[in-house]
C-alpha atoms as a PDB file:
ATOM      1  CA  UNK A   1     -16.890  16.020   5.954  1.00  0.00           C
ATOM      2  CA  UNK A   2     -13.675  13.964   5.877  1.00  0.00           C
ATOM      3  CA  UNK A   3     -12.575  12.964   9.366  1.00  0.00           C
ATOM      4  CA  UNK A   4      -9.311  11.252   8.456  1.00  0.00           C
ATOM      5  CA  UNK A   5      -7.245   9.846   5.606  1.00  0.00           C
ATOM      6  CA  UNK A   6      -4.769   7.085   6.440  1.00  0.00           C
ATOM      7  CA  UNK A   7      -2.182   5.889   3.882  1.00  0.00           C
ATOM      8  CA  UNK A   8      -1.771   2.167   4.527  1.00  0.00           C
ATOM      9  CA  UNK A   9       0.686   1.016   1.867  1.00  0.00           C
ATOM     10  CA  UNK A  10       2.397   3.150  -0.767  1.00  0.00           C
ATOM     11  CA  UNK A  11       5.395   2.899  -3.063  1.00  0.00           C
ATOM     12  CA  UNK A  12       7.307   5.028  -0.592  1.00  0.00           C
ATOM     13  CA  UNK A  13       6.549   2.385   2.077  1.00  0.00           C
ATOM     14  CA  UNK A  14       8.393  -0.239   0.008  1.00  0.00           C
ATOM     15  CA  UNK A  15       5.465  -1.882  -1.794  1.00  0.00           C
ATOM     16  CA  UNK A  16       3.591  -1.103  -4.991  1.00  0.00           C
ATOM     17  CA  UNK A  17       0.234   0.124  -3.839  1.00  0.00           C
ATOM     18  CA  UNK A  18      -1.826   3.147  -2.932  1.00  0.00           C
ATOM     19  CA  UNK A  19      -3.953   1.472  -0.261  1.00  0.00           C
ATOM     20  CA  UNK A  20      -5.726   4.244   1.641  1.00  0.00           C
ATOM     21  CA  UNK A  21      -8.391   4.365   4.328  1.00  0.00           C
ATOM     22  CA  UNK A  22     -10.823   7.309   4.207  1.00  0.00           C
ATOM     23  CA  UNK A  23     -13.353   8.068   6.930  1.00  0.00           C
ATOM     24  CA  UNK A  24     -16.153  10.632   6.729  1.00  0.00           C
ATOM     25  CA  UNK A  25     -19.048  11.403   9.022  1.00  0.00           C
ATOM     26  CA  UNK A  26     -21.207   8.964   7.045  1.00  0.00           C
ATOM     27  CA  UNK A  27     -18.940   6.145   5.875  1.00  0.00           C
ATOM     28  CA  UNK A  28     -15.582   4.433   5.836  1.00  0.00           C
ATOM     29  CA  UNK A  29     -13.892   3.454   2.571  1.00  0.00           C
ATOM     30  CA  UNK A  30     -10.820   1.350   1.856  1.00  0.00           C
ATOM     31  CA  UNK A  31      -9.385   2.391  -1.520  1.00  0.00           C
ATOM     32  CA  UNK A  32      -7.105   0.069  -3.503  1.00  0.00           C
ATOM     33  CA  UNK A  33      -6.829  -2.572  -0.731  1.00  0.00           C
ATOM     34  CA  UNK A  34      -3.985  -4.522  -2.264  1.00  0.00           C
ATOM     35  CA  UNK A  35      -0.219  -4.569  -2.297  1.00  0.00           C
ATOM     36  CA  UNK A  36       2.043  -6.492  -4.597  1.00  0.00           C
ATOM     37  CA  UNK A  37       5.577  -6.919  -5.820  1.00  0.00           C
ATOM     38  CA  UNK A  38       6.691  -7.591  -9.378  1.00  0.00           C
ATOM     39  CA  UNK A  39      10.050  -8.244 -10.932  1.00  0.00           C
ATOM     40  CA  UNK A  40      11.850  -4.931 -11.107  1.00  0.00           C
ATOM     41  CA  UNK A  41      14.510  -3.657 -13.434  1.00  0.00           C
ATOM     42  CA  UNK A  42      16.314  -6.236 -15.521  1.00  0.00           C
ATOM     43  CA  UNK A  43      13.780  -8.936 -14.535  1.00  0.00           C
ATOM     44  CA  UNK A  44      15.259  -9.358 -11.051  1.00  0.00           C
ATOM     45  CA  UNK A  45      13.132 -10.752  -8.241  1.00  0.00           C
ATOM     46  CA  UNK A  46      12.082  -8.372  -5.436  1.00  0.00           C
ATOM     47  CA  UNK A  47      14.683  -7.807  -2.726  1.00  0.00           C
ATOM     48  CA  UNK A  48      14.136  -9.627   0.610  1.00  0.00           C
ATOM     49  CA  UNK A  49      13.471  -6.246   2.269  1.00  0.00           C
ATOM     50  CA  UNK A  50      10.631  -5.648  -0.195  1.00  0.00           C
ATOM     51  CA  UNK A  51       9.066  -8.991   0.807  1.00  0.00           C
ATOM     52  CA  UNK A  52       9.401  -7.962   4.458  1.00  0.00           C
ATOM     53  CA  UNK A  53       7.670  -4.618   3.813  1.00  0.00           C
ATOM     54  CA  UNK A  54       4.919  -6.454   1.946  1.00  0.00           C
ATOM     55  CA  UNK A  55       4.236  -8.571   5.039  1.00  0.00           C
ATOM     56  CA  UNK A  56       4.286  -5.488   7.287  1.00  0.00           C
ATOM     57  CA  UNK A  57       1.848  -3.449   5.196  1.00  0.00           C
END
């Protein structure tokens, strides 16, 4: 049985990721444990706030 699901870093958190922690009665799993930023529209570098969110998540 799933005890908890914790979203750690998602697009809506300001980074490109779907890092999620899942805990069941038997095990704990970290899914997609990475976050990253890439040049966005028009080849522009990520905004300073995106870099800040990357550090936070």
